[in-house]
PDB file of N, CA and C in Angstrom:
ATOM      1  N   MET A   1       1.058   9.552  28.026  1.00  0.00           N
ATOM      2  CA  MET A   1       1.382   8.916  26.762  1.00  0.00           C
ATOM      3  C   MET A   1       2.843   8.484  26.822  1.00  0.00           C
ATOM      4  N   GLY A   2       3.128   7.269  26.361  1.00  0.00           N
ATOM      5  CA  GLY A   2       4.475   6.728  26.405  1.00  0.00           C
ATOM      6  C   GLY A   2       5.369   7.313  25.326  1.00  0.00           C
ATOM      7  N   VAL A   3       6.637   6.973  25.398  1.00  0.00           N
ATOM      8  CA  VAL A   3       7.634   7.468  24.458  1.00  0.00           C
ATOM      9  C   VAL A   3       7.281   7.082  23.019  1.00  0.00           C
ATOM     10  N   VAL A   4       6.967   5.812  22.795  1.00  0.00           N
ATOM     11  CA  VAL A   4       6.643   5.355  21.440  1.00  0.00           C
ATOM     12  C   VAL A   4       5.375   6.034  20.933  1.00  0.00           C
ATOM     13  N   ALA A   5       4.375   6.155  21.774  1.00  0.00           N
ATOM     14  CA  ALA A   5       3.128   6.811  21.371  1.00  0.00           C
ATOM     15  C   ALA A   5       3.398   8.246  20.945  1.00  0.00           C
ATOM     16  N   ASN A   6       4.259   8.963  21.675  1.00  0.00           N
ATOM     17  CA  ASN A   6       4.609  10.330  21.307  1.00  0.00           C
ATOM     18  C   ASN A   6       5.317  10.373  19.959  1.00  0.00           C
ATOM     19  N   MET A   7       6.229   9.449  19.717  1.00  0.00           N
ATOM     20  CA  MET A   7       6.970   9.419  18.459  1.00  0.00           C
ATOM     21  C   MET A   7       6.035   9.090  17.290  1.00  0.00           C
ATOM     22  N   ILE A   8       5.143   8.128  17.483  1.00  0.00           N
ATOM     23  CA  ILE A   8       4.197   7.772  16.422  1.00  0.00           C
ATOM     24  C   ILE A   8       3.281   8.949  16.130  1.00  0.00           C
ATOM     25  N   ALA A   9       2.785   9.607  17.175  1.00  0.00           N
ATOM     26  CA  ALA A   9       1.897  10.755  16.979  1.00  0.00           C
ATOM     27  C   ALA A   9       2.616  11.894  16.256  1.00  0.00           C
ATOM     28  N   LYS A  10       3.890  12.091  16.577  1.00  0.00           N
ATOM     29  CA  LYS A  10       4.648  13.199  15.992  1.00  0.00           C
ATOM     30  C   LYS A  10       5.064  12.920  14.548  1.00  0.00           C
ATOM     31  N   PHE A  11       5.526  11.705  14.275  1.00  0.00           N
ATOM     32  CA  PHE A  11       6.095  11.387  12.966  1.00  0.00           C
ATOM     33  C   PHE A  11       5.220  10.469  12.114  1.00  0.00           C
ATOM     34  N   GLY A  12       4.141   9.961  12.677  1.00  0.00           N
ATOM     35  CA  GLY A  12       3.299   9.019  11.953  1.00  0.00           C
ATOM     36  C   GLY A  12       2.352   9.707  10.990  1.00  0.00           C
ATOM     37  N   GLN A  13       1.620   8.878  10.265  1.00  0.00           N
ATOM     38  CA  GLN A  13       0.609   9.377   9.350  1.00  0.00           C
ATOM     39  C   GLN A  13      -0.697   8.650   9.631  1.00  0.00           C
ATOM     40  N   THR A  14      -1.784   9.271   9.246  1.00  0.00           N
ATOM     41  CA  THR A  14      -3.098   8.668   9.443  1.00  0.00           C
ATOM     42  C   THR A  14      -3.362   7.685   8.309  1.00  0.00           C
ATOM     43  N   ILE A  15      -3.729   6.480   8.691  1.00  0.00           N
ATOM     44  CA  ILE A  15      -4.114   5.467   7.707  1.00  0.00           C
ATOM     45  C   ILE A  15      -5.500   4.947   8.088  1.00  0.00           C
ATOM     46  N   THR A  16      -6.187   4.364   7.131  1.00  0.00           N
ATOM     47  CA  THR A  16      -7.538   3.846   7.369  1.00  0.00           C
ATOM     48  C   THR A  16      -7.484   2.332   7.496  1.00  0.00           C
ATOM     49  N   VAL A  17      -8.120   1.817   8.549  1.00  0.00           N
ATOM     50  CA  VAL A  17      -8.224   0.373   8.767  1.00  0.00           C
ATOM     51  C   VAL A  17      -9.618  -0.074   8.355  1.00  0.00           C
ATOM     52  N   HIS A  18      -9.669  -1.072   7.481  1.00  0.00           N
ATOM     53  CA  HIS A  18     -10.920  -1.747   7.142  1.00  0.00           C
ATOM     54  C   HIS A  18     -10.851  -3.074   7.890  1.00  0.00           C
ATOM     55  N   PRO A  19     -11.521  -3.144   9.047  1.00  0.00           N
ATOM     56  CA  PRO A  19     -11.350  -4.310   9.914  1.00  0.00           C
ATOM     57  C   PRO A  19     -11.844  -5.615   9.304  1.00  0.00           C
ATOM     58  N   ALA A  20     -11.198  -6.669   9.737  1.00  0.00           N
ATOM     59  CA  ALA A  20     -11.592  -8.014   9.331  1.00  0.00           C
ATOM     60  C   ALA A  20     -12.955  -8.322   9.927  1.00  0.00           C
ATOM     61  N   SER A  21     -13.701  -9.131   9.239  1.00  0.00           N
ATOM     62  CA  SER A  21     -14.968  -9.587   9.786  1.00  0.00           C
ATOM     63  C   SER A  21     -15.035 -11.100   9.660  1.00  0.00           C
ATOM     64  N   ALA A  22     -15.814 -11.685  10.519  1.00  0.00           N
ATOM     65  CA  ALA A  22     -15.952 -13.140  10.504  1.00  0.00           C
ATOM     66  C   ALA A  22     -16.685 -13.585   9.250  1.00  0.00           C
ATOM     67  N   GLY A  23     -16.500 -14.819   8.896  1.00  0.00           N
ATOM     68  CA  GLY A  23     -17.154 -15.402   7.734  1.00  0.00           C
ATOM     69  C   GLY A  23     -16.577 -16.791   7.510  1.00  0.00           C
ATOM     70  N   GLU A  24     -16.770 -17.307   6.317  1.00  0.00           N
ATOM     71  CA  GLU A  24     -16.201 -18.608   5.991  1.00  0.00           C
ATOM     72  C   GLU A  24     -16.136 -18.775   4.481  1.00  0.00           C
ATOM     73  N   TYR A  25     -15.340 -19.746   4.057  1.00  0.00           N
ATOM     74  CA  TYR A  25     -15.234 -20.048   2.638  1.00  0.00           C
ATOM     75  C   TYR A  25     -16.328 -21.029   2.254  1.00  0.00           C
ATOM     76  N   ASP A  26     -16.969 -20.785   1.107  1.00  0.00           N
ATOM     77  CA  ASP A  26     -17.998 -21.706   0.640  1.00  0.00           C
ATOM     78  C   ASP A  26     -17.352 -22.917  -0.041  1.00  0.00           C
ATOM     79  N   ASP A  27     -18.157 -23.801  -0.574  1.00  0.00           N
ATOM     80  CA  ASP A  27     -17.651 -25.029  -1.198  1.00  0.00           C
ATOM     81  C   ASP A  27     -16.782 -24.771  -2.429  1.00  0.00           C
ATOM     82  N   PHE A  28     -16.881 -23.561  -2.983  1.00  0.00           N
ATOM     83  CA  PHE A  28     -16.106 -23.219  -4.175  1.00  0.00           C
ATOM     84  C   PHE A  28     -14.871 -22.375  -3.854  1.00  0.00           C
ATOM     85  N   GLY A  29     -14.602 -22.172  -2.550  1.00  0.00           N
ATOM     86  CA  GLY A  29     -13.431 -21.411  -2.139  1.00  0.00           C
ATOM     87  C   GLY A  29     -13.634 -19.912  -2.130  1.00  0.00           C
ATOM     88  N   ASN A  30     -14.875 -19.451  -2.229  1.00  0.00           N
ATOM     89  CA  ASN A  30     -15.171 -18.019  -2.192  1.00  0.00           C
ATOM     90  C   ASN A  30     -15.487 -17.597  -0.761  1.00  0.00           C
ATOM     91  N   TRP A  31     -14.975 -16.438  -0.356  1.00  0.00           N
ATOM     92  CA  TRP A  31     -15.205 -15.931   0.991  1.00  0.00           C
ATOM     93  C   TRP A  31     -16.621 -15.378   1.112  1.00  0.00           C
ATOM     94  N   GLU A  32     -17.349 -15.810   2.129  1.00  0.00           N
ATOM     95  CA  GLU A  32     -18.682 -15.292   2.425  1.00  0.00           C
ATOM     96  C   GLU A  32     -18.598 -14.516   3.731  1.00  0.00           C
ATOM     97  N   ASP A  33     -18.712 -13.206   3.604  1.00  0.00           N
ATOM     98  CA  ASP A  33     -18.587 -12.295   4.739  1.00  0.00           C
ATOM     99  C   ASP A  33     -19.861 -12.336   5.570  1.00  0.00           C
ATOM    100  N   SER A  34     -19.722 -12.386   6.896  1.00  0.00           N
ATOM    101  CA  SER A  34     -20.905 -12.428   7.752  1.00  0.00           C
ATOM    102  C   SER A  34     -21.300 -11.031   8.247  1.00  0.00           C
ATOM    103  N   GLY A  35     -20.706 -10.000   7.690  1.00  0.00           N
ATOM    104  CA  GLY A  35     -21.089  -8.636   8.069  1.00  0.00           C
ATOM    105  C   GLY A  35     -19.875  -7.763   8.264  1.00  0.00           C
ATOM    106  N   GLY A  36     -19.872  -6.624   7.640  1.00  0.00           N
ATOM    107  CA  GLY A  36     -18.732  -5.721   7.717  1.00  0.00           C
ATOM    108  C   GLY A  36     -18.746  -4.858   8.960  1.00  0.00           C
ATOM    109  N   LEU A  37     -17.574  -4.473   9.384  1.00  0.00           N
ATOM    110  CA  LEU A  37     -17.410  -3.559  10.503  1.00  0.00           C
ATOM    111  C   LEU A  37     -16.998  -2.200   9.933  1.00  0.00           C
ATOM    112  N   PRO A  38     -17.312  -1.101  10.627  1.00  0.00           N
ATOM    113  CA  PRO A  38     -16.961   0.210  10.093  1.00  0.00           C
ATOM    114  C   PRO A  38     -15.444   0.452  10.062  1.00  0.00           C
ATOM    115  N   SER A  39     -15.001   1.197   9.078  1.00  0.00           N
ATOM    116  CA  SER A  39     -13.596   1.581   8.966  1.00  0.00           C
ATOM    117  C   SER A  39     -13.274   2.605  10.041  1.00  0.00           C
ATOM    118  N   TYR A  40     -11.979   2.713  10.386  1.00  0.00           N
ATOM    119  CA  TYR A  40     -11.561   3.709  11.374  1.00  0.00           C
ATOM    120  C   TYR A  40     -10.117   4.127  11.105  1.00  0.00           C
ATOM    121  N   PRO A  41      -9.747   5.350  11.515  1.00  0.00           N
ATOM    122  CA  PRO A  41      -8.380   5.817  11.296  1.00  0.00           C
ATOM    123  C   PRO A  41      -7.466   5.457  12.467  1.00  0.00           C
ATOM    124  N   ILE A  42      -6.186   5.229  12.158  1.00  0.00           N
ATOM    125  CA  ILE A  42      -5.151   5.092  13.183  1.00  0.00           C
ATOM    126  C   ILE A  42      -3.948   5.909  12.724  1.00  0.00           C
ATOM    127  N   THR A  43      -3.046   6.178  13.642  1.00  0.00           N
ATOM    128  CA  THR A  43      -1.795   6.846  13.308  1.00  0.00           C
ATOM    129  C   THR A  43      -0.680   5.814  13.410  1.00  0.00           C
ATOM    130  N   ALA A  44       0.153   5.763  12.382  1.00  0.00           N
ATOM    131  CA  ALA A  44       1.237   4.783  12.351  1.00  0.00           C
ATOM    132  C   ALA A  44       2.456   5.370  11.653  1.00  0.00           C
ATOM    133  N   SER A  45       3.620   4.924  12.075  1.00  0.00           N
ATOM    134  CA  SER A  45       4.853   5.217  11.351  1.00  0.00           C
ATOM    135  C   SER A  45       4.968   4.153  10.264  1.00  0.00           C
ATOM    136  N   VAL A  46       5.012   4.575   9.010  1.00  0.00           N
ATOM    137  CA  VAL A  46       5.005   3.651   7.871  1.00  0.00           C
ATOM    138  C   VAL A  46       6.367   3.697   7.189  1.00  0.00           C
ATOM    139  N   GLN A  47       6.959   2.514   6.991  1.00  0.00           N
ATOM    140  CA  GLN A  47       8.282   2.401   6.379  1.00  0.00           C
ATOM    141  C   GLN A  47       8.297   1.208   5.437  1.00  0.00           C
ATOM    142  N   PRO A  48       9.198   1.199   4.466  1.00  0.00           N
ATOM    143  CA  PRO A  48       9.321  -0.011   3.633  1.00  0.00           C
ATOM    144  C   PRO A  48       9.954  -1.139   4.447  1.00  0.00           C
ATOM    145  N   ALA A  49       9.584  -2.375   4.149  1.00  0.00           N
ATOM    146  CA  ALA A  49      10.215  -3.529   4.790  1.00  0.00           C
ATOM    147  C   ALA A  49      11.653  -3.630   4.280  1.00  0.00           C
ATOM    148  N   THR A  50      12.568  -3.993   5.166  1.00  0.00           N
ATOM    149  CA  THR A  50      13.977  -4.130   4.793  1.00  0.00           C
ATOM    150  C   THR A  50      14.251  -5.527   4.243  1.00  0.00           C
ATOM    151  N   GLY A  51      15.419  -5.703   3.673  1.00  0.00           N
ATOM    152  CA  GLY A  51      15.827  -7.024   3.204  1.00  0.00           C
ATOM    153  C   GLY A  51      15.850  -8.041   4.326  1.00  0.00           C
ATOM    154  N   ARG A  52      16.301  -7.620   5.488  1.00  0.00           N
ATOM    155  CA  ARG A  52      16.317  -8.513   6.660  1.00  0.00           C
ATOM    156  C   ARG A  52      14.894  -8.903   7.065  1.00  0.00           C
ATOM    157  N   ASP A  53      13.972  -7.936   7.017  1.00  0.00           N
ATOM    158  CA  ASP A  53      12.565  -8.246   7.313  1.00  0.00           C
ATOM    159  C   ASP A  53      12.042  -9.306   6.353  1.00  0.00           C
ATOM    160  N   ARG A  54      12.353  -9.136   5.074  1.00  0.00           N
ATOM    161  CA  ARG A  54      11.833 -10.024   4.027  1.00  0.00           C
ATOM    162  C   ARG A  54      12.275 -11.472   4.204  1.00  0.00           C
ATOM    163  N   GLU A  55      13.429 -11.682   4.826  1.00  0.00           N
ATOM    164  CA  GLU A  55      13.910 -13.051   5.067  1.00  0.00           C
ATOM    165  C   GLU A  55      12.941 -13.842   5.939  1.00  0.00           C
ATOM    166  N   LEU A  56      12.141 -13.149   6.730  1.00  0.00           N
ATOM    167  CA  LEU A  56      11.194 -13.809   7.634  1.00  0.00           C
ATOM    168  C   LEU A  56       9.854 -14.128   6.974  1.00  0.00           C
ATOM    169  N   PHE A  57       9.598 -13.572   5.783  1.00  0.00           N
ATOM    170  CA  PHE A  57       8.324 -13.778   5.106  1.00  0.00           C
ATOM    171  C   PHE A  57       8.299 -15.122   4.398  1.00  0.00           C
ATOM    172  N   PRO A  58       7.104 -15.672   4.179  1.00  0.00           N
ATOM    173  CA  PRO A  58       6.985 -16.884   3.364  1.00  0.00           C
ATOM    174  C   PRO A  58       7.477 -16.620   1.939  1.00  0.00           C
ATOM    175  N   GLU A  59       7.856 -17.663   1.231  1.00  0.00           N
ATOM    176  CA  GLU A  59       8.401 -17.554  -0.130  1.00  0.00           C
ATOM    177  C   GLU A  59       7.604 -16.634  -1.037  1.00  0.00           C
ATOM    178  N   GLY A  60       6.305 -16.794  -1.103  1.00  0.00           N
ATOM    179  CA  GLY A  60       5.487 -16.038  -2.031  1.00  0.00           C
ATOM    180  C   GLY A  60       5.367 -14.558  -1.710  1.00  0.00           C
ATOM    181  N   VAL A  61       5.780 -14.145  -0.519  1.00  0.00           N
ATOM    182  CA  VAL A  61       5.628 -12.753  -0.100  1.00  0.00           C
ATOM    183  C   VAL A  61       6.949 -11.988  -0.209  1.00  0.00           C
ATOM    184  N   ARG A  62       8.053 -12.690  -0.240  1.00  0.00           N
ATOM    185  CA  ARG A  62       9.371 -12.043  -0.211  1.00  0.00           C
ATOM    186  C   ARG A  62       9.603 -11.064  -1.343  1.00  0.00           C
ATOM    187  N   THR A  63       9.012 -11.300  -2.506  1.00  0.00           N
ATOM    188  CA  THR A  63       9.225 -10.419  -3.650  1.00  0.00           C
ATOM    189  C   THR A  63       8.118  -9.381  -3.807  1.00  0.00           C
ATOM    190  N   GLU A  64       7.115  -9.419  -2.954  1.00  0.00           N
ATOM    191  CA  GLU A  64       6.003  -8.474  -3.020  1.00  0.00           C
ATOM    192  C   GLU A  64       6.359  -7.176  -2.295  1.00  0.00           C
ATOM    193  N   GLU A  65       5.626  -6.111  -2.597  1.00  0.00           N
ATOM    194  CA  GLU A  65       5.804  -4.862  -1.863  1.00  0.00           C
ATOM    195  C   GLU A  65       5.174  -5.018  -0.485  1.00  0.00           C
ATOM    196  N   VAL A  66       5.972  -4.755   0.549  1.00  0.00           N
ATOM    197  CA  VAL A  66       5.507  -4.876   1.929  1.00  0.00           C
ATOM    198  C   VAL A  66       5.923  -3.632   2.702  1.00  0.00           C
ATOM    199  N   LYS A  67       5.002  -3.129   3.519  1.00  0.00           N
ATOM    200  CA  LYS A  67       5.282  -1.990   4.397  1.00  0.00           C
ATOM    201  C   LYS A  67       5.393  -2.480   5.830  1.00  0.00           C
ATOM    202  N   LYS A  68       6.249  -1.801   6.601  1.00  0.00           N
ATOM    203  CA  LYS A  68       6.377  -2.052   8.035  1.00  0.00           C
ATOM    204  C   LYS A  68       5.765  -0.850   8.747  1.00  0.00           C
ATOM    205  N   LEU A  69       4.894  -1.115   9.712  1.00  0.00           N
ATOM    206  CA  LEU A  69       4.241  -0.046  10.452  1.00  0.00           C
ATOM    207  C   LEU A  69       4.497  -0.230  11.940  1.00  0.00           C
ATOM    208  N   TYR A  70       4.634   0.880  12.629  1.00  0.00           N
ATOM    209  CA  TYR A  70       4.678   0.890  14.088  1.00  0.00           C
ATOM    210  C   TYR A  70       3.465   1.688  14.544  1.00  0.00           C
ATOM    211  N   CYS A  71       2.648   1.081  15.415  1.00  0.00           N
ATOM    212  CA  CYS A  71       1.417   1.745  15.855  1.00  0.00           C
ATOM    213  C   CYS A  71       1.043   1.300  17.263  1.00  0.00           C
ATOM    214  N   GLN A  72      -0.005   1.909  17.782  1.00  0.00           N
ATOM    215  CA  GLN A  72      -0.507   1.593  19.115  1.00  0.00           C
ATOM    216  C   GLN A  72      -1.703   0.640  19.070  1.00  0.00           C
ATOM    217  N   ASP A  73      -2.092   0.221  17.880  1.00  0.00           N
ATOM    218  CA  ASP A  73      -3.310  -0.566  17.691  1.00  0.00           C
ATOM    219  C   ASP A  73      -2.991  -1.986  17.242  1.00  0.00           C
ATOM    220  N   GLU A  74      -3.638  -2.955  17.867  1.00  0.00           N
ATOM    221  CA  GLU A  74      -3.481  -4.347  17.440  1.00  0.00           C
ATOM    222  C   GLU A  74      -4.345  -4.563  16.197  1.00  0.00           C
ATOM    223  N   LEU A  75      -3.732  -5.126  15.159  1.00  0.00           N
ATOM    224  CA  LEU A  75      -4.442  -5.380  13.913  1.00  0.00           C
ATOM    225  C   LEU A  75      -4.541  -6.880  13.681  1.00  0.00           C
ATOM    226  N   GLN A  76      -5.554  -7.291  12.927  1.00  0.00           N
ATOM    227  CA  GLN A  76      -5.884  -8.702  12.722  1.00  0.00           C
ATOM    228  C   GLN A  76      -5.217  -9.266  11.471  1.00  0.00           C
ATOM    229  N   THR A  77      -4.628 -10.447  11.601  1.00  0.00           N
ATOM    230  CA  THR A  77      -4.130 -11.200  10.447  1.00  0.00           C
ATOM    231  C   THR A  77      -5.152 -12.285  10.106  1.00  0.00           C
ATOM    232  N   ASP A  78      -4.948 -12.989   8.993  1.00  0.00           N
ATOM    233  CA  ASP A  78      -5.812 -14.131   8.680  1.00  0.00           C
ATOM    234  C   ASP A  78      -5.736 -15.126   9.832  1.00  0.00           C
ATOM    235  N   SER A  79      -6.883 -15.644  10.254  1.00  0.00           N
ATOM    236  CA  SER A  79      -6.868 -16.648  11.324  1.00  0.00           C
ATOM    237  C   SER A  79      -6.476 -18.004  10.738  1.00  0.00           C
ATOM    238  N   GLU A  80      -5.851 -18.820  11.557  1.00  0.00           N
ATOM    239  CA  GLU A  80      -5.407 -20.141  11.096  1.00  0.00           C
ATOM    240  C   GLU A  80      -6.567 -21.039  10.714  1.00  0.00           C
ATOM    241  N   ASP A  81      -7.719 -20.852  11.377  1.00  0.00           N
ATOM    242  CA  ASP A  81      -8.873 -21.709  11.081  1.00  0.00           C
ATOM    243  C   ASP A  81      -9.681 -21.202   9.883  1.00  0.00           C
ATOM    244  N   GLY A  82      -9.270 -20.064   9.311  1.00  0.00           N
ATOM    245  CA  GLY A  82      -9.950 -19.537   8.129  1.00  0.00           C
ATOM    246  C   GLY A  82     -11.269 -18.845   8.415  1.00  0.00           C
ATOM    247  N   LYS A  83     -11.581 -18.606   9.681  1.00  0.00           N
ATOM    248  CA  LYS A  83     -12.863 -18.001  10.038  1.00  0.00           C
ATOM    249  C   LYS A  83     -12.826 -16.470  10.010  1.00  0.00           C
ATOM    250  N   THR A  84     -11.635 -15.882  10.035  1.00  0.00           N
ATOM    251  CA  THR A  84     -11.494 -14.431  10.006  1.00  0.00           C
ATOM    252  C   THR A  84     -10.405 -14.049   9.029  1.00  0.00           C
ATOM    253  N   LYS A  85     -10.700 -13.072   8.180  1.00  0.00           N
ATOM    254  CA  LYS A  85      -9.707 -12.570   7.242  1.00  0.00           C
ATOM    255  C   LYS A  85      -8.923 -11.431   7.892  1.00  0.00           C
ATOM    256  N   ALA A  86      -7.806 -11.087   7.280  1.00  0.00           N
ATOM    257  CA  ALA A  86      -6.940 -10.030   7.804  1.00  0.00           C
ATOM    258  C   ALA A  86      -7.559  -8.652   7.590  1.00  0.00           C
ATOM    259  N   ASP A  87      -7.198  -7.727   8.492  1.00  0.00           N
ATOM    260  CA  ASP A  87      -7.560  -6.331   8.291  1.00  0.00           C
ATOM    261  C   ASP A  87      -6.888  -5.827   7.014  1.00  0.00           C
ATOM    262  N   GLU A  88      -7.546  -4.894   6.362  1.00  0.00           N
ATOM    263  CA  GLU A  88      -6.938  -4.218   5.216  1.00  0.00           C
ATOM    264  C   GLU A  88      -6.709  -2.769   5.588  1.00  0.00           C
ATOM    265  N   LEU A  89      -5.613  -2.208   5.083  1.00  0.00           N
ATOM    266  CA  LEU A  89      -5.213  -0.849   5.395  1.00  0.00           C
ATOM    267  C   LEU A  89      -5.172  -0.033   4.115  1.00  0.00           C
ATOM    268  N   VAL A  90      -5.527   1.235   4.211  1.00  0.00           N
ATOM    269  CA  VAL A  90      -5.344   2.157   3.096  1.00  0.00           C
ATOM    270  C   VAL A  90      -4.281   3.156   3.530  1.00  0.00           C
ATOM    271  N   ILE A  91      -3.153   3.121   2.806  1.00  0.00           N
ATOM    272  CA  ILE A  91      -2.028   4.014   3.068  1.00  0.00           C
ATOM    273  C   ILE A  91      -1.894   4.897   1.832  1.00  0.00           C
ATOM    274  N   GLY A  92      -2.233   6.163   1.968  1.00  0.00           N
ATOM    275  CA  GLY A  92      -2.292   7.047   0.797  1.00  0.00           C
ATOM    276  C   GLY A  92      -3.431   6.595  -0.092  1.00  0.00           C
ATOM    277  N   THR A  93      -3.094   6.130  -1.288  1.00  0.00           N
ATOM    278  CA  THR A  93      -4.121   5.623  -2.213  1.00  0.00           C
ATOM    279  C   THR A  93      -3.955   4.128  -2.457  1.00  0.00           C
ATOM    280  N   GLU A  94      -3.135   3.478  -1.632  1.00  0.00           N
ATOM    281  CA  GLU A  94      -2.845   2.057  -1.834  1.00  0.00           C
ATOM    282  C   GLU A  94      -3.442   1.201  -0.722  1.00  0.00           C
ATOM    283  N   ARG A  95      -3.901   0.018  -1.106  1.00  0.00           N
ATOM    284  CA  ARG A  95      -4.518  -0.921  -0.165  1.00  0.00           C
ATOM    285  C   ARG A  95      -3.529  -2.037   0.169  1.00  0.00           C
ATOM    286  N   TYR A  96      -3.460  -2.385   1.472  1.00  0.00           N
ATOM    287  CA  TYR A  96      -2.551  -3.413   1.974  1.00  0.00           C
ATOM    288  C   TYR A  96      -3.310  -4.384   2.865  1.00  0.00           C
ATOM    289  N   LYS A  97      -2.803  -5.610   2.965  1.00  0.00           N
ATOM    290  CA  LYS A  97      -3.373  -6.649   3.834  1.00  0.00           C
ATOM    291  C   LYS A  97      -2.383  -6.922   4.962  1.00  0.00           C
ATOM    292  N   VAL A  98      -2.866  -6.953   6.201  1.00  0.00           N
ATOM    293  CA  VAL A  98      -2.007  -7.227   7.353  1.00  0.00           C
ATOM    294  C   VAL A  98      -1.573  -8.687   7.312  1.00  0.00           C
ATOM    295  N   ILE A  99      -0.244  -8.927   7.307  1.00  0.00           N
ATOM    296  CA  ILE A  99       0.269 -10.298   7.282  1.00  0.00           C
ATOM    297  C   ILE A  99       0.965 -10.675   8.582  1.00  0.00           C
ATOM    298  N   SER A 100       1.267  -9.676   9.423  1.00  0.00           N
ATOM    299  CA  SER A 100       1.917  -9.951  10.703  1.00  0.00           C
ATOM    300  C   SER A 100       1.645  -8.786  11.644  1.00  0.00           C
ATOM    301  N   CYS A 101       1.369  -9.099  12.914  1.00  0.00           N
ATOM    302  CA  CYS A 101       1.188  -8.073  13.941  1.00  0.00           C
ATOM    303  C   CYS A 101       1.820  -8.601  15.216  1.00  0.00           C
ATOM    304  N   GLN A 102       2.929  -7.984  15.604  1.00  0.00           N
ATOM    305  CA  GLN A 102       3.681  -8.442  16.772  1.00  0.00           C
ATOM    306  C   GLN A 102       3.603  -7.399  17.876  1.00  0.00           C
ATOM    307  N   LYS A 103       3.209  -7.839  19.066  1.00  0.00           N
ATOM    308  CA  LYS A 103       3.135  -6.936  20.218  1.00  0.00           C
ATOM    309  C   LYS A 103       4.511  -6.821  20.846  1.00  0.00           C
ATOM    310  N   HIS A 104       4.917  -5.585  21.120  1.00  0.00           N
ATOM    311  CA  HIS A 104       6.170  -5.319  21.824  1.00  0.00           C
ATOM    312  C   HIS A 104       5.806  -4.576  23.100  1.00  0.00           C
ATOM    313  N   ALA A 105       5.888  -5.263  24.225  1.00  0.00           N
ATOM    314  CA  ALA A 105       5.512  -4.687  25.511  1.00  0.00           C
ATOM    315  C   ALA A 105       6.743  -4.594  26.395  1.00  0.00           C
ATOM    316  N   GLU A 106       7.381  -3.433  26.346  1.00  0.00           N
ATOM    317  CA  GLU A 106       8.582  -3.210  27.148  1.00  0.00           C
ATOM    318  C   GLU A 106       8.362  -2.109  28.176  1.00  0.00           C
ATOM    319  N   GLY A 107       7.186  -2.014  28.742  1.00  0.00           N
ATOM    320  CA  GLY A 107       6.905  -0.965  29.718  1.00  0.00           C
ATOM    321  C   GLY A 107       6.564   0.347  29.040  1.00  0.00           C
ATOM    322  N   VAL A 108       7.512   1.276  28.959  1.00  0.00           N
ATOM    323  CA  VAL A 108       7.250   2.593  28.356  1.00  0.00           C
ATOM    324  C   VAL A 108       7.273   2.538  26.840  1.00  0.00           C
ATOM    325  N   LEU A 109       7.743   1.462  26.232  1.00  0.00           N
ATOM    326  CA  LEU A 109       7.863   1.379  24.785  1.00  0.00           C
ATOM    327  C   LEU A 109       6.841   0.420  24.158  1.00  0.00           C
ATOM    328  N   ASN A 110       5.672   0.315  24.742  1.00  0.00           N
ATOM    329  CA  ASN A 110       4.645  -0.598  24.230  1.00  0.00           C
ATOM    330  C   ASN A 110       4.154  -0.146  22.856  1.00  0.00           C
ATOM    331  N   HIS A 111       4.121  -1.083  21.898  1.00  0.00           N
ATOM    332  CA  HIS A 111       3.642  -0.784  20.554  1.00  0.00           C
ATOM    333  C   HIS A 111       3.464  -2.094  19.788  1.00  0.00           C
ATOM    334  N   TYR A 112       2.950  -1.986  18.583  1.00  0.00           N
ATOM    335  CA  TYR A 112       2.813  -3.130  17.685  1.00  0.00           C
ATOM    336  C   TYR A 112       3.655  -2.880  16.442  1.00  0.00           C
ATOM    337  N   LYS A 113       4.347  -3.920  15.992  1.00  0.00           N
ATOM    338  CA  LYS A 113       5.055  -3.865  14.714  1.00  0.00           C
ATOM    339  C   LYS A 113       4.241  -4.699  13.739  1.00  0.00           C
ATOM    340  N   VAL A 114       3.820  -4.061  12.649  1.00  0.00           N
ATOM    341  CA  VAL A 114       2.909  -4.671  11.694  1.00  0.00           C
ATOM    342  C   VAL A 114       3.565  -4.719  10.326  1.00  0.00           C
ATOM    343  N   PHE A 115       3.393  -5.836   9.624  1.00  0.00           N
ATOM    344  CA  PHE A 115       3.798  -5.931   8.225  1.00  0.00           C
ATOM    345  C   PHE A 115       2.530  -6.082   7.402  1.00  0.00           C
ATOM    346  N   ALA A 116       2.480  -5.327   6.296  1.00  0.00           N
ATOM    347  CA  ALA A 116       1.297  -5.341   5.439  1.00  0.00           C
ATOM    348  C   ALA A 116       1.722  -5.483   3.981  1.00  0.00           C
ATOM    349  N   GLN A 117       1.059  -6.390   3.273  1.00  0.00           N
ATOM    350  CA  GLN A 117       1.371  -6.714   1.881  1.00  0.00           C
ATOM    351  C   GLN A 117       0.487  -5.908   0.934  1.00  0.00           C
ATOM    352  N   PHE A 118       1.101  -5.355  -0.096  1.00  0.00           N
ATOM    353  CA  PHE A 118       0.407  -4.545  -1.113  1.00  0.00           C
ATOM    354  C   PHE A 118      -0.650  -5.368  -1.840  1.00  0.00           C
ATOM    355  N   LEU A 119      -1.860  -4.811  -1.975  1.00  0.00           N
ATOM    356  CA  LEU A 119      -2.938  -5.467  -2.708  1.00  0.00           C
ATOM    357  C   LEU A 119      -3.276  -4.746  -4.001  1.00  0.00           C
ATOM    358  N   GLY A 120      -3.098  -3.440  -4.037  1.00  0.00           N
ATOM    359  CA  GLY A 120      -3.429  -2.669  -5.225  1.00  0.00           C
ATOM    360  C   GLY A 120      -3.849  -1.262  -4.838  1.00  0.00           C
ATOM    361  N   ASP A 121      -4.201  -0.490  -5.838  1.00  0.00           N
ATOM    362  CA  ASP A 121      -4.663   0.869  -5.598  1.00  0.00           C
ATOM    363  C   ASP A 121      -6.063   0.866  -5.021  1.00  0.00           C
ATOM    364  N   GLU A 122      -6.346   1.831  -4.148  1.00  0.00           N
ATOM    365  CA  GLU A 122      -7.652   1.955  -3.512  1.00  0.00           C
ATOM    366  C   GLU A 122      -8.761   2.101  -4.554  1.00  0.00           C
ATOM    367  N   ASP A 123      -8.500   2.836  -5.629  1.00  0.00           N
ATOM    368  CA  ASP A 123      -9.512   3.033  -6.667  1.00  0.00           C
ATOM    369  C   ASP A 123      -9.920   1.731  -7.349  1.00  0.00           C
ATOM    370  N   ALA A 124      -9.020   0.749  -7.342  1.00  0.00           N
ATOM    371  CA  ALA A 124      -9.306  -0.523  -8.000  1.00  0.00           C
ATOM    372  C   ALA A 124     -10.061  -1.481  -7.098  1.00  0.00           C
ATOM    373  N   ALA A 125     -10.226  -1.135  -5.812  1.00  0.00           N
ATOM    374  CA  ALA A 125     -10.876  -2.043  -4.863  1.00  0.00           C
ATOM    375  C   ALA A 125     -12.366  -2.092  -5.040  1.00  0.00           C
TER     376      ALA A 125
END
């Protein structure tokens, strides 16, 4: 296990991933899911996004609650062609949508840096 994996395992928390599934938007702009995939747990270091991080977000996201995660798992964002929606995460009792997943491959420090936007409480989903 690499250095980053050890740090994530030691200091991270378990979160639930609700994976994205393929589908498409209908003529009225509603998402039609082509079949759900099972949820699964991952371990991630979860932190609030910093002001510097927020400068990189699109205008509409800069004022929203966003978490930064470091993990060993690649997570899905919305596809550009609209055929796949982003993975959703449950952190504690709150639901988030993955808006960015960047791979960092530096040999022993391989990991993903993920930004996730707040969607609401899990109970409201």
